[in-house]
Amino acid sequence: MKILTIHADFIEFEAKKKAFKNAEENIKEGKERVEECLVVFTAVEKRDEENVKAIVDKYVQEIKNIAQQVSTTNIVLYPYAHLSSALSNPKTAEEVMKEAQKILGEKYKVTRAPFGWYKSFDISCKGHPLSELSREFSVEESKSIDGGKGTKEVVEKELTQEEINHLLKQISRSRLDTSKLKDNDHRIIGKDMDLWSFNEVAPGMVFWHDKGLIIKNILTEYWRNVHRRSGYQEISTPQILDKKLWLLSGHWAKYKENMFITDYEKREFAVKPMNCPGGMLVYKASSKSYRDLPLRVGELGLVHRQELSGVLAGLFRVIQFTQDDAHIFCTEDQLEEEVGYIIDIIKEMFATFNLEFHHIELSTRPEKKIGSDEVWDFTEKALENVLKKKNIDFQVNEGDGAFYGPKIDFHLKDSLDRTWQCSTIQLDMSLPERFDLTYNDKDGGEKRPVILHRVVYGAIERFIGILTEHLSGKFPAWLNPTQVKIVTINDDALPFAKDIETKLNENNFRVELDGRAESLGKKIREAQMQKVNYILTIGDKEVEKRTLAVRDRIGQNKFDVSMDTFIAELKEEVVSKKL
């Protein structure tokens, strides 16, 4: 069985038509809406048919565990076949979900979406670490080679040529099915522009091609430049950390099933799903004084989170990604000012990409929380004060803060009128206590710092996917992996074209030369497909005059352009980050 759980503000769904002949009858007509709920998207699999009672028990227990962690009493069971390619027969699946509804109904208010129907749905996901979780489980018994219970013996041997060919065939299954994707989907653009690819040998992980990695590296360096001049240090913490650290941080209890676990010398380790615990150890590595605060520490940390293969979607939902985390350690007196500085960075960076805020939310204390009401009053008021001082319109999202503190979420709007939650500022009252973080105050006594977690891009991979579709792959010159394409009309133009290429490379521009013996029309069409910023066409006239014929991305042409003029104008365009 595979499930995807969403802790939602609401889900609204409507049955449209039967998916198969024996679909459930007497269903509720029209739209059905459930608010403040845990939505459990469910795929019952073939292997679950062997022991229906056991799989129901496991299914129910998983739902109860997650419902308790997110503090909800409303459950929505939603059959969702897309999570698996090995589905059970419909009769078994319907039986499992009905029985689970019956058992869960003793403690929760349970809504079950109709089985066997095509449905439309609209869902609003909450923005905390446990709001999206995926699980896979079965009740199969492991067996030894001879059929009895026990441990399998693994025998290593050389592969036959037939086995090698079979494996090669399997790892080559990476063709992109574009039949259900829109033309501006980042997966199609990425393939057409040779930016990135995906392969089943590493589900939910990106294979960055040279041009795609150029984009990622430029965005990373831009992030670094903004943060350096804003007084941030940058650190890097290990990928694999001992279980003890995750027990201390609370992730082992609340997030273990979404972590990759391994062992080394009889010790359990986890690949980090978040950067925060490592950042706490860096703070603890030396004693701190009030003079050291505020301490702004950023980390472009590579993290891994387990997801079901059925919920992965290109760059938008991945297993491995780079989180542009930062932790600000400060005093209570410095809190409002630091939150204001973070907001300034977020506004500056997204203005660079012409991405506007759709709305901003202030999320307040949930029912289950740590800390006294007095502390929550102070921290919620501090965040509210900053938003008001900066004349920012915001919505109050009552009860949707993290258990460890209130937060501000920034929802962006792209050119396709879609909204995305990327940036967040979260105040943490838990980790300073858990990790016993202190600083020496003016009077010589020890005090706990306040911690602000924050991201701007969020996951860099996801942000690149958003940006690619927002711009339809037409990256500005400062970001485009190929800024200039030189195309020759004939072989006589090739020596001058190579001189131009050398000159542009010396000025640190990203340039390609197409000197093939192909028609000029074909070369220009291919350059346009690559969405380069400028095409330089070099023929006899350009060779004779030692000038350039420049064509921009919207098709406007300039002739007799000097090399120095072109270089100066392109430099200005890159430095100003013109869109």
Protein backbone atom coordinates (compact mmCIF):
# COMPACT_ATOMS: atom_id res chain seq x y z
CA MET A 1 0.00 0.00 0.00
CA LYS A 2 1.09 3.52 -0.74
CA ILE A 3 -0.35 6.64 0.84
CA LEU A 4 0.26 10.37 0.58
CA THR A 5 -1.09 12.42 3.48
CA ILE A 6 -1.80 16.15 3.25
CA HIS A 7 -2.63 18.21 6.33
CA ALA A 8 -4.99 20.62 4.62
CA ASP A 9 -6.83 23.84 5.27
CA PHE A 10 -9.52 22.25 3.09
CA ILE A 11 -10.21 19.78 0.30
CA GLU A 12 -13.12 20.14 -2.10
CA PHE A 13 -13.89 17.28 -4.48
CA GLU A 14 -16.60 16.20 -6.89
CA ALA A 15 -17.28 12.87 -8.61
CA LYS A 16 -17.52 13.37 -12.39
CA LYS A 17 -18.08 9.98 -14.04
CA LYS A 18 -17.51 6.28 -13.44
CA ALA A 19 -13.99 5.00 -14.03
CA PHE A 20 -15.23 1.43 -14.49
CA LYS A 21 -18.52 -0.44 -14.67
CA ASN A 22 -18.73 -1.67 -11.07
CA ALA A 23 -17.92 1.68 -9.48
CA GLU A 24 -19.52 2.48 -6.14
CA GLU A 25 -23.24 3.34 -6.41
CA ASN A 26 -25.46 5.88 -4.59
CA ILE A 27 -22.73 8.46 -4.16
CA LYS A 28 -23.24 12.02 -3.02
CA GLU A 29 -23.86 14.41 -5.91
CA GLY A 30 -22.17 17.80 -6.26
CA LYS A 31 -19.11 19.18 -4.55
CA GLU A 32 -18.11 18.05 -1.08
CA ARG A 33 -15.84 20.20 1.09
CA VAL A 34 -14.02 19.26 4.29
CA GLU A 35 -12.00 21.81 6.25
CA GLU A 36 -9.07 21.46 8.70
CA CYS A 37 -8.45 17.84 7.81
CA LEU A 38 -5.90 15.12 7.11
CA VAL A 39 -6.37 13.93 3.52
CA VAL A 40 -5.09 10.39 2.92
CA PHE A 41 -4.55 9.70 -0.79
CA THR A 42 -4.49 5.91 -1.01
CA ALA A 43 -3.42 3.21 -3.47
CA VAL A 44 -4.14 -0.38 -2.43
CA GLU A 45 -1.72 -2.73 -4.20
CA LYS A 46 -1.75 -6.28 -5.55
CA ARG A 47 0.44 -7.59 -2.74
CA ASP A 48 -2.12 -6.33 -0.18
CA GLU A 49 -4.68 -8.90 -1.37
CA GLU A 50 -2.88 -11.67 0.52
CA ASN A 51 -3.84 -10.33 3.95
CA VAL A 52 -6.57 -7.70 3.83
CA LYS A 53 -7.16 -7.56 7.59
CA ALA A 54 -3.48 -6.97 8.35
CA ILE A 55 -3.14 -4.22 5.74
CA VAL A 56 -6.28 -2.50 7.07
CA ASP A 57 -4.84 -2.59 10.59
CA LYS A 58 -1.54 -1.13 9.37
CA TYR A 59 -3.35 1.51 7.28
CA VAL A 60 -5.50 2.61 10.21
CA GLN A 61 -2.54 2.76 12.60
CA GLU A 62 -0.51 4.92 10.19
CA ILE A 63 -3.42 7.35 9.83
CA LYS A 64 -3.92 7.53 13.59
CA ASN A 65 -0.21 8.24 14.15
CA ILE A 66 -0.12 11.07 11.63
CA ALA A 67 -3.47 12.52 12.76
CA GLN A 68 -2.14 12.67 16.31
CA GLN A 69 1.07 14.42 15.20
CA VAL A 70 -0.79 17.12 13.24
CA SER A 71 -3.60 17.40 15.80
CA THR A 72 -6.66 16.84 13.64
CA THR A 73 -9.91 14.95 14.15
CA ASN A 74 -11.13 15.18 10.53
CA ILE A 75 -9.98 12.43 8.15
CA VAL A 76 -10.60 12.24 4.40
CA LEU A 77 -9.90 8.86 2.76
CA TYR A 78 -9.29 9.48 -0.94
CA PRO A 79 -8.65 6.60 -3.38
CA TYR A 80 -5.81 7.67 -5.65
CA ALA A 81 -4.62 5.10 -8.18
CA HIS A 82 -1.82 7.32 -9.52
CA LEU A 83 0.42 6.45 -6.55
CA SER A 84 1.07 2.92 -7.83
CA SER A 85 1.47 0.92 -11.04
CA ALA A 86 0.66 -2.37 -9.28
CA LEU A 87 -2.91 -1.87 -8.07
CA SER A 88 -5.06 -4.48 -6.37
CA ASN A 89 -8.38 -5.53 -7.84
CA PRO A 90 -11.07 -2.87 -7.27
CA LYS A 91 -13.12 -5.07 -4.95
CA THR A 92 -10.23 -5.47 -2.49
CA ALA A 93 -9.36 -1.78 -2.60
CA GLU A 94 -12.94 -0.73 -1.90
CA GLU A 95 -13.18 -3.27 0.94
CA VAL A 96 -9.97 -1.92 2.54
CA MET A 97 -11.13 1.68 2.45
CA LYS A 98 -14.63 0.95 3.73
CA GLU A 99 -13.29 -1.12 6.62
CA ALA A 100 -10.78 1.59 7.49
CA GLN A 101 -13.57 4.18 7.43
CA LYS A 102 -15.58 2.05 9.85
CA ILE A 103 -12.68 1.61 12.32
CA LEU A 104 -11.50 5.23 12.16
CA GLY A 105 -15.07 6.45 12.53
CA GLU A 106 -15.06 5.32 16.16
CA LYS A 107 -12.64 8.13 17.02
CA TYR A 108 -12.60 10.56 14.09
CA LYS A 109 -14.99 12.28 11.75
CA VAL A 110 -14.27 10.41 8.51
CA THR A 111 -15.20 11.36 4.96
CA ARG A 112 -14.50 8.90 2.15
CA ALA A 113 -14.30 10.04 -1.47
CA PRO A 114 -16.29 7.74 -3.81
CA PHE A 115 -14.45 4.70 -5.13
CA GLY A 116 -14.25 3.94 -8.84
CA TRP A 117 -15.04 7.46 -10.07
CA TYR A 118 -13.07 10.11 -11.91
CA LYS A 119 -12.98 13.09 -9.56
CA SER A 120 -11.85 16.70 -9.61
CA PHE A 121 -10.41 18.16 -6.43
CA ASP A 122 -8.99 21.38 -5.05
CA ILE A 123 -6.79 21.25 -1.94
CA SER A 124 -4.93 23.80 0.19
CA CYS A 125 -1.93 22.33 1.97
CA LYS A 126 -0.65 23.74 5.24
CA GLY A 127 2.99 24.80 5.25
CA HIS A 128 4.61 22.95 8.16
CA PRO A 129 7.15 20.07 8.03
CA LEU A 130 4.51 17.36 8.65
CA SER A 131 1.92 18.74 6.22
CA GLU A 132 3.02 16.41 3.38
CA LEU A 133 4.09 12.86 4.18
CA SER A 134 4.30 9.73 2.08
CA ARG A 135 4.29 6.14 3.29
CA GLU A 136 4.73 2.71 1.73
CA PHE A 137 4.07 -0.48 3.67
CA SER A 138 3.07 -4.11 3.28
CA VAL A 139 2.57 -7.17 5.47
CA GLU A 140 4.74 -9.56 3.47
CA GLU A 141 7.03 -11.91 5.39
CA SER A 142 10.66 -12.11 4.40
CA LYS A 143 11.71 -15.64 3.47
CA SER A 144 15.01 -17.37 2.94
CA ILE A 145 15.98 -18.92 -0.37
CA ASP A 146 14.76 -22.39 0.68
CA GLY A 147 11.28 -21.00 1.47
CA GLY A 148 11.53 -20.87 5.26
CA LYS A 149 11.67 -17.78 7.43
CA GLY A 150 15.13 -16.42 7.86
CA THR A 151 17.85 -14.35 6.28
CA LYS A 152 18.65 -14.49 2.59
CA GLU A 153 22.16 -15.45 1.66
CA VAL A 154 23.58 -13.14 -1.00
CA VAL A 155 26.01 -14.75 -3.42
CA GLU A 156 28.09 -12.41 -5.57
CA LYS A 157 28.91 -13.49 -9.12
CA GLU A 158 29.94 -12.04 -12.45
CA LEU A 159 27.04 -10.92 -14.65
CA THR A 160 26.32 -12.75 -17.88
CA GLN A 161 26.06 -10.72 -21.09
CA GLU A 162 22.30 -11.36 -21.08
CA GLU A 163 22.03 -9.91 -17.57
CA ILE A 164 24.13 -6.90 -18.57
CA ASN A 165 21.90 -6.23 -21.58
CA HIS A 166 18.79 -6.52 -19.39
CA LEU A 167 20.18 -4.01 -16.88
CA LEU A 168 21.21 -1.63 -19.65
CA LYS A 169 17.67 -1.78 -21.01
CA GLN A 170 16.24 -1.01 -17.56
CA ILE A 171 18.46 1.99 -16.83
CA SER A 172 17.79 3.43 -20.30
CA ARG A 173 14.07 3.83 -19.58
CA SER A 174 14.19 7.56 -19.05
CA ARG A 175 12.11 8.89 -21.92
CA LEU A 176 9.86 11.78 -20.98
CA ASP A 177 6.16 11.18 -21.63
CA THR A 178 5.01 14.60 -22.84
CA SER A 179 1.46 13.56 -23.75
CA LYS A 180 -0.03 15.01 -20.56
CA LEU A 181 2.32 17.99 -20.16
CA LYS A 182 1.81 21.56 -21.30
CA ASP A 183 4.28 23.09 -23.77
CA ASN A 184 5.83 25.33 -21.11
CA ASP A 185 6.30 22.49 -18.61
CA HIS A 186 9.81 22.77 -17.19
CA ARG A 187 10.46 19.10 -17.99
CA ILE A 188 9.86 19.74 -21.71
CA ILE A 189 11.84 23.00 -21.68
CA GLY A 190 14.65 21.29 -19.79
CA LYS A 191 14.82 18.53 -22.40
CA ASP A 192 14.65 20.91 -25.38
CA MET A 193 17.31 23.24 -23.94
CA ASP A 194 19.51 20.39 -22.62
CA LEU A 195 19.30 21.65 -19.02
CA TRP A 196 18.51 18.53 -16.96
CA SER A 197 17.10 15.03 -17.10
CA PHE A 198 15.67 12.36 -14.81
CA ASN A 199 16.29 8.62 -14.63
CA GLU A 200 14.64 5.82 -12.66
CA VAL A 201 18.00 4.77 -11.20
CA ALA A 202 17.71 7.88 -9.00
CA PRO A 203 14.00 8.64 -8.55
CA GLY A 204 13.25 12.19 -7.47
CA MET A 205 16.82 13.35 -8.11
CA VAL A 206 18.03 15.66 -10.85
CA PHE A 207 20.74 14.91 -13.39
CA TRP A 208 22.08 18.42 -13.99
CA HIS A 209 23.48 18.90 -17.48
CA ASP A 210 26.12 21.56 -18.06
CA LYS A 211 23.66 24.28 -19.08
CA GLY A 212 21.22 23.55 -16.24
CA LEU A 213 24.05 23.56 -13.73
CA ILE A 214 25.12 26.98 -15.01
CA ILE A 215 21.66 28.32 -14.07
CA LYS A 216 21.80 26.67 -10.65
CA ASN A 217 25.31 27.97 -9.96
CA ILE A 218 24.41 31.54 -10.99
CA LEU A 219 21.35 31.52 -8.71
CA THR A 220 23.52 30.17 -5.92
CA GLU A 221 26.17 32.84 -6.41
CA TYR A 222 23.50 35.56 -6.53
CA TRP A 223 22.18 34.22 -3.19
CA ARG A 224 25.72 34.33 -1.78
CA ASN A 225 26.33 37.90 -2.94
CA VAL A 226 23.10 39.18 -1.39
CA HIS A 227 23.79 37.41 1.89
CA ARG A 228 27.46 38.41 2.15
CA ARG A 229 26.60 42.10 2.00
CA SER A 230 23.77 41.47 4.49
CA GLY A 231 26.21 40.19 7.12
CA TYR A 232 25.68 36.43 6.80
CA GLN A 233 28.28 33.76 7.39
CA GLU A 234 28.06 30.59 5.29
CA ILE A 235 28.59 27.09 6.69
CA SER A 236 28.34 23.52 5.40
CA THR A 237 27.38 20.60 7.64
CA PRO A 238 27.63 16.81 7.06
CA GLN A 239 25.12 14.83 5.02
CA ILE A 240 24.97 11.81 7.34
CA LEU A 241 24.54 12.28 11.09
CA ASP A 242 24.18 9.98 14.08
CA LYS A 243 20.74 8.96 15.34
CA LYS A 244 21.54 10.70 18.66
CA LEU A 245 21.35 14.09 16.97
CA TRP A 246 17.96 13.34 15.38
CA LEU A 247 16.58 12.07 18.70
CA LEU A 248 17.67 15.31 20.33
CA SER A 249 16.19 17.51 17.59
CA GLY A 250 12.89 15.59 17.61
CA HIS A 251 13.09 14.51 13.97
CA TRP A 252 13.53 10.83 14.85
CA ALA A 253 10.16 10.79 16.62
CA LYS A 254 8.23 12.97 14.19
CA TYR A 255 9.92 12.51 10.82
CA LYS A 256 11.76 9.18 10.81
CA GLU A 257 9.67 7.52 8.10
CA ASN A 258 10.66 10.26 5.65
CA MET A 259 14.36 9.92 6.42
CA PHE A 260 16.92 7.64 4.75
CA ILE A 261 18.43 5.46 7.48
CA THR A 262 21.76 3.66 7.32
CA ASP A 263 24.26 2.14 9.73
CA TYR A 264 28.00 2.25 10.20
CA GLU A 265 30.02 0.27 12.75
CA LYS A 266 26.81 -0.81 14.53
CA ARG A 267 25.57 2.78 14.87
CA GLU A 268 22.42 4.12 13.23
CA PHE A 269 22.73 7.21 11.07
CA ALA A 270 20.32 9.26 8.97
CA VAL A 271 20.85 11.25 5.79
CA LYS A 272 19.75 14.73 6.81
CA PRO A 273 16.25 15.82 5.71
CA MET A 274 16.85 19.30 7.19
CA ASN A 275 19.87 21.46 7.94
CA CYS A 276 18.82 22.82 11.33
CA PRO A 277 20.42 20.32 13.77
CA GLY A 278 23.83 20.67 12.10
CA GLY A 279 23.54 24.45 12.39
CA MET A 280 22.88 24.11 16.12
CA LEU A 281 26.12 22.14 16.56
CA VAL A 282 28.08 24.87 14.76
CA TYR A 283 26.65 27.44 17.21
CA LYS A 284 27.61 25.22 20.16
CA ALA A 285 31.18 24.76 18.89
CA SER A 286 32.26 27.92 20.74
CA SER A 287 30.96 30.07 23.56
CA LYS A 288 28.96 33.13 22.57
CA SER A 289 28.63 36.61 24.04
CA TYR A 290 25.87 39.17 23.53
CA ARG A 291 28.46 40.99 21.40
CA ASP A 292 28.34 38.11 18.88
CA LEU A 293 24.62 38.57 18.31
CA PRO A 294 22.85 38.83 16.00
CA LEU A 295 24.63 35.89 14.38
CA ARG A 296 23.37 35.25 10.84
CA VAL A 297 24.39 31.84 9.49
CA GLY A 298 23.38 30.51 6.07
CA GLU A 299 23.72 27.06 4.55
CA LEU A 300 22.99 25.89 1.01
CA GLY A 301 22.50 22.37 2.32
CA LEU A 302 21.76 19.27 0.26
CA VAL A 303 18.94 17.33 1.94
CA HIS A 304 17.06 14.10 1.22
CA ARG A 305 13.46 13.25 2.08
CA GLN A 306 11.70 10.02 1.23
CA GLU A 307 8.74 10.42 -1.12
CA LEU A 308 6.63 7.89 -3.00
CA SER A 309 7.59 7.64 -6.66
CA GLY A 310 4.00 8.37 -7.68
CA VAL A 311 4.06 11.88 -6.18
CA LEU A 312 7.34 13.00 -7.77
CA ALA A 313 7.00 15.68 -10.45
CA GLY A 314 10.19 16.87 -12.12
CA LEU A 315 11.81 19.72 -10.20
CA PHE A 316 8.62 20.55 -8.30
CA ARG A 317 8.70 17.55 -5.95
CA VAL A 318 12.02 15.81 -5.46
CA ILE A 319 13.79 13.54 -2.98
CA GLN A 320 17.16 15.30 -3.13
CA PHE A 321 17.27 19.09 -3.13
CA THR A 322 19.27 22.10 -1.99
CA GLN A 323 17.61 24.14 0.76
CA ASP A 324 18.79 27.76 1.10
CA ASP A 325 18.51 27.73 4.87
CA ALA A 326 19.68 30.36 7.29
CA HIS A 327 19.47 30.59 11.07
CA ILE A 328 19.59 33.90 12.87
CA PHE A 329 20.57 33.74 16.54
CA CYS A 330 19.60 36.97 18.28
CA THR A 331 18.30 38.53 21.49
CA GLU A 332 14.64 39.33 22.09
CA ASP A 333 15.44 43.04 21.63
CA GLN A 334 16.92 42.34 18.19
CA LEU A 335 14.06 40.11 17.00
CA GLU A 336 11.89 42.63 15.15
CA GLU A 337 14.81 44.28 13.41
CA GLU A 338 16.15 40.92 12.20
CA VAL A 339 12.75 39.85 10.85
CA GLY A 340 12.63 43.16 8.98
CA TYR A 341 16.05 42.53 7.42
CA ILE A 342 14.93 39.08 6.25
CA ILE A 343 11.82 40.55 4.61
CA ASP A 344 14.03 43.10 2.81
CA ILE A 345 16.17 40.27 1.36
CA ILE A 346 13.10 38.30 0.24
CA LYS A 347 11.57 41.34 -1.48
CA GLU A 348 14.84 42.27 -3.19
CA MET A 349 15.54 38.81 -4.54
CA PHE A 350 12.08 38.14 -5.95
CA ALA A 351 11.86 41.60 -7.51
CA THR A 352 14.96 40.59 -9.50
CA PHE A 353 12.88 37.85 -11.17
CA ASN A 354 9.73 39.98 -11.53
CA LEU A 355 7.88 37.64 -9.18
CA GLU A 356 5.21 39.37 -7.11
CA PHE A 357 3.67 38.36 -3.79
CA HIS A 358 0.14 37.04 -4.13
CA HIS A 359 -0.44 37.08 -0.38
CA ILE A 360 1.44 36.86 2.90
CA GLU A 361 0.29 34.86 5.93
CA LEU A 362 1.05 35.21 9.62
CA SER A 363 0.43 31.81 11.22
CA THR A 364 -0.26 31.78 14.95
CA ARG A 365 -0.10 29.27 17.80
CA PRO A 366 -1.54 25.80 17.16
CA GLU A 367 -3.48 23.83 19.74
CA LYS A 368 -0.45 21.64 20.50
CA LYS A 369 2.52 23.88 21.18
CA ILE A 370 5.52 24.37 23.42
CA GLY A 371 6.14 27.52 25.45
CA SER A 372 3.92 29.66 27.63
CA ASP A 373 1.11 31.90 26.36
CA GLU A 374 3.18 34.90 27.46
CA VAL A 375 6.03 33.87 25.16
CA TRP A 376 3.62 33.25 22.28
CA ASP A 377 1.98 36.64 22.86
CA PHE A 378 5.40 38.28 22.60
CA THR A 379 6.57 36.43 19.48
CA GLU A 380 3.30 36.72 17.56
CA LYS A 381 3.15 40.44 18.35
CA ALA A 382 6.76 40.88 17.21
CA LEU A 383 6.07 39.36 13.78
CA GLU A 384 2.84 41.33 13.44
CA ASN A 385 4.63 44.58 14.35
CA VAL A 386 7.22 44.09 11.62
CA LEU A 387 4.59 43.44 8.95
CA LYS A 388 2.68 46.55 10.00
CA LYS A 389 5.79 48.75 10.16
CA LYS A 390 6.63 47.74 6.60
CA ASN A 391 3.04 48.42 5.46
CA ILE A 392 2.64 44.84 4.27
CA ASP A 393 -0.88 43.50 3.82
CA PHE A 394 -1.16 40.09 5.44
CA GLN A 395 -3.67 37.45 6.44
CA VAL A 396 -3.74 35.88 9.89
CA ASN A 397 -3.81 32.09 9.67
CA GLU A 398 -5.06 31.18 13.12
CA GLY A 399 -3.64 28.00 14.64
CA ASP A 400 -1.38 27.10 11.70
CA GLY A 401 1.96 28.02 13.23
CA ALA A 402 4.56 25.36 13.95
CA PHE A 403 4.45 23.76 17.39
CA TYR A 404 7.70 25.58 18.19
CA GLY A 405 6.73 29.10 17.11
CA PRO A 406 4.75 31.46 14.81
CA LYS A 407 5.77 32.02 11.19
CA ILE A 408 5.36 34.25 8.15
CA ASP A 409 4.80 32.58 4.77
CA PHE A 410 5.24 34.38 1.44
CA HIS A 411 3.10 33.17 -1.48
CA LEU A 412 4.32 34.19 -4.93
CA LYS A 413 2.37 34.69 -8.15
CA ASP A 414 3.95 33.76 -11.49
CA SER A 415 3.16 34.77 -15.07
CA LEU A 416 0.69 31.88 -15.35
CA ASP A 417 -1.33 33.18 -12.35
CA ARG A 418 -0.23 30.24 -10.19
CA THR A 419 0.69 30.76 -6.54
CA TRP A 420 3.71 29.21 -4.83
CA GLN A 421 4.84 29.24 -1.21
CA CYS A 422 8.64 29.56 -1.33
CA SER A 423 9.93 31.89 1.38
CA THR A 424 9.17 31.49 5.06
CA ILE A 425 10.33 32.99 8.36
CA GLN A 426 9.81 30.76 11.40
CA LEU A 427 10.49 31.63 15.00
CA ASP A 428 11.78 28.66 17.00
CA MET A 429 11.36 28.31 20.78
CA SER A 430 12.20 24.59 20.81
CA LEU A 431 15.74 24.09 19.50
CA PRO A 432 17.43 26.57 21.88
CA GLU A 433 16.05 24.50 24.77
CA ARG A 434 16.70 21.09 23.19
CA PHE A 435 20.30 21.94 22.32
CA ASP A 436 20.92 24.05 25.44
CA LEU A 437 22.03 27.06 23.39
CA THR A 438 23.22 30.02 25.45
CA TYR A 439 25.09 33.29 25.27
CA ASN A 440 26.66 35.42 28.01
CA ASP A 441 24.66 38.59 28.65
CA LYS A 442 26.02 42.00 29.71
CA ASP A 443 25.58 41.10 33.37
CA GLY A 444 27.63 37.90 32.94
CA GLY A 445 24.63 35.56 33.20
CA GLU A 446 23.60 32.96 30.64
CA LYS A 447 20.58 33.53 28.41
CA ARG A 448 18.96 31.64 25.56
CA PRO A 449 19.10 33.17 22.09
CA VAL A 450 16.02 33.50 19.94
CA ILE A 451 16.28 31.51 16.68
CA LEU A 452 14.78 32.50 13.34
CA HIS A 453 14.68 29.85 10.61
CA ARG A 454 14.26 31.24 7.11
CA VAL A 455 14.48 30.30 3.45
CA VAL A 456 14.19 32.54 0.40
CA TYR A 457 14.22 30.23 -2.64
CA GLY A 458 13.07 27.33 -0.49
CA ALA A 459 14.29 24.35 -2.52
CA ILE A 460 16.53 25.73 -5.27
CA GLU A 461 15.49 22.92 -7.62
CA ARG A 462 11.81 23.75 -7.17
CA PHE A 463 12.47 27.46 -7.59
CA ILE A 464 14.30 26.81 -10.89
CA GLY A 465 11.26 24.84 -12.08
CA ILE A 466 8.96 27.74 -11.13
CA LEU A 467 11.26 30.29 -12.78
CA THR A 468 11.63 28.22 -15.95
CA GLU A 469 7.85 28.09 -16.44
CA HIS A 470 7.38 31.70 -15.31
CA LEU A 471 9.79 32.79 -18.09
CA SER A 472 8.82 29.99 -20.53
CA GLY A 473 12.54 29.18 -20.71
CA LYS A 474 13.42 32.70 -21.92
CA PHE A 475 16.06 33.38 -19.27
CA PRO A 476 17.50 36.91 -19.03
CA ALA A 477 21.07 37.38 -20.26
CA TRP A 478 22.60 37.29 -16.74
CA LEU A 479 21.05 33.87 -16.13
CA ASN A 480 20.92 32.23 -19.56
CA PRO A 481 23.40 29.36 -20.05
CA THR A 482 23.89 30.46 -23.67
CA GLN A 483 23.85 34.22 -24.04
CA VAL A 484 25.16 34.48 -27.60
CA LYS A 485 25.04 32.12 -30.59
CA ILE A 486 27.28 32.89 -33.56
CA VAL A 487 26.10 31.45 -36.88
CA THR A 488 28.08 31.61 -40.11
CA ILE A 489 26.61 32.02 -43.59
CA ASN A 490 29.56 30.34 -45.34
CA ASP A 491 32.94 28.81 -44.61
CA ASP A 492 34.75 32.05 -45.51
CA ALA A 493 33.13 33.68 -42.43
CA LEU A 494 34.45 31.02 -40.02
CA PRO A 495 37.85 32.63 -39.13
CA PHE A 496 36.18 35.95 -38.21
CA ALA A 497 33.46 34.08 -36.31
CA LYS A 498 36.14 32.30 -34.28
CA ASP A 499 37.77 35.66 -33.48
CA ILE A 500 34.39 36.90 -32.21
CA GLU A 501 33.96 33.76 -30.09
CA THR A 502 37.42 34.26 -28.55
CA LYS A 503 36.74 37.92 -27.77
CA LEU A 504 33.40 37.16 -26.12
CA ASN A 505 34.92 34.32 -24.09
CA GLU A 506 37.65 36.68 -22.89
CA ASN A 507 34.89 38.95 -21.57
CA ASN A 508 33.31 36.03 -19.67
CA PHE A 509 30.23 35.69 -21.86
CA ARG A 510 28.65 32.31 -22.54
CA VAL A 511 28.86 31.84 -26.28
CA GLU A 512 28.50 29.06 -28.84
CA LEU A 513 29.66 28.98 -32.45
CA ASP A 514 27.70 27.14 -35.13
CA GLY A 515 30.01 26.85 -38.13
CA ARG A 516 28.38 23.78 -39.64
CA ALA A 517 27.74 23.50 -43.36
CA GLU A 518 23.98 23.82 -42.83
CA SER A 519 21.53 26.37 -44.17
CA LEU A 520 21.36 29.69 -42.34
CA GLY A 521 17.62 29.18 -41.73
CA LYS A 522 18.22 25.88 -39.93
CA LYS A 523 20.98 27.35 -37.77
CA ILE A 524 18.80 30.30 -36.73
CA ARG A 525 15.80 28.06 -35.99
CA GLU A 526 17.94 25.86 -33.74
CA ALA A 527 19.34 28.92 -31.95
CA GLN A 528 15.79 30.19 -31.39
CA MET A 529 14.80 26.79 -29.97
CA GLN A 530 17.65 27.17 -27.46
CA LYS A 531 16.18 30.59 -26.52
CA VAL A 532 19.56 32.34 -26.68
CA ASN A 533 19.51 36.09 -26.03
CA TYR A 534 21.39 37.15 -29.15
CA ILE A 535 22.20 35.55 -32.51
CA LEU A 536 25.18 36.98 -34.36
CA THR A 537 24.98 36.27 -38.10
CA ILE A 538 28.37 36.48 -39.82
CA GLY A 539 28.63 36.65 -43.60
CA ASP A 540 30.76 38.38 -46.25
CA LYS A 541 29.61 41.91 -45.30
CA GLU A 542 30.41 41.40 -41.62
CA VAL A 543 33.84 39.94 -42.50
CA GLU A 544 34.61 42.87 -44.79
CA LYS A 545 33.50 45.55 -42.27
CA ARG A 546 34.58 43.64 -39.13
CA THR A 547 31.11 44.31 -37.66
CA LEU A 548 28.23 42.24 -36.32
CA ALA A 549 24.68 41.55 -37.47
CA VAL A 550 22.77 41.19 -34.18
CA ARG A 551 19.34 39.57 -33.83
CA ASP A 552 17.65 39.64 -30.40
CA ARG A 553 15.20 37.10 -29.02
CA ILE A 554 12.08 38.93 -30.22
CA GLY A 555 13.40 39.07 -33.80
CA GLN A 556 14.70 42.65 -33.99
CA ASN A 557 17.84 43.07 -36.10
CA LYS A 558 20.72 45.53 -35.90
CA PHE A 559 23.46 45.72 -38.52
CA ASP A 560 26.97 47.16 -38.61
CA VAL A 561 27.29 46.85 -34.82
CA SER A 562 30.89 47.17 -33.60
CA MET A 563 32.31 44.48 -31.35
CA ASP A 564 33.08 47.00 -28.59
CA THR A 565 29.52 48.39 -28.65
CA PHE A 566 27.98 44.91 -28.46
CA ILE A 567 30.23 43.89 -25.57
CA ALA A 568 29.55 47.09 -23.61
CA GLU A 569 25.77 46.82 -24.02
CA LEU A 570 25.72 43.12 -23.11
CA LYS A 571 27.85 43.77 -20.02
CA GLU A 572 25.42 46.44 -18.87
CA GLU A 573 22.48 44.09 -19.43
CA VAL A 574 24.15 41.33 -17.39
CA VAL A 575 25.33 43.56 -14.53
CA SER A 576 21.91 45.24 -14.17
CA LYS A 577 20.18 41.83 -14.26
CA LYS A 578 17.76 43.17 -16.84
CA LEU A 579 14.82 40.84 -17.50
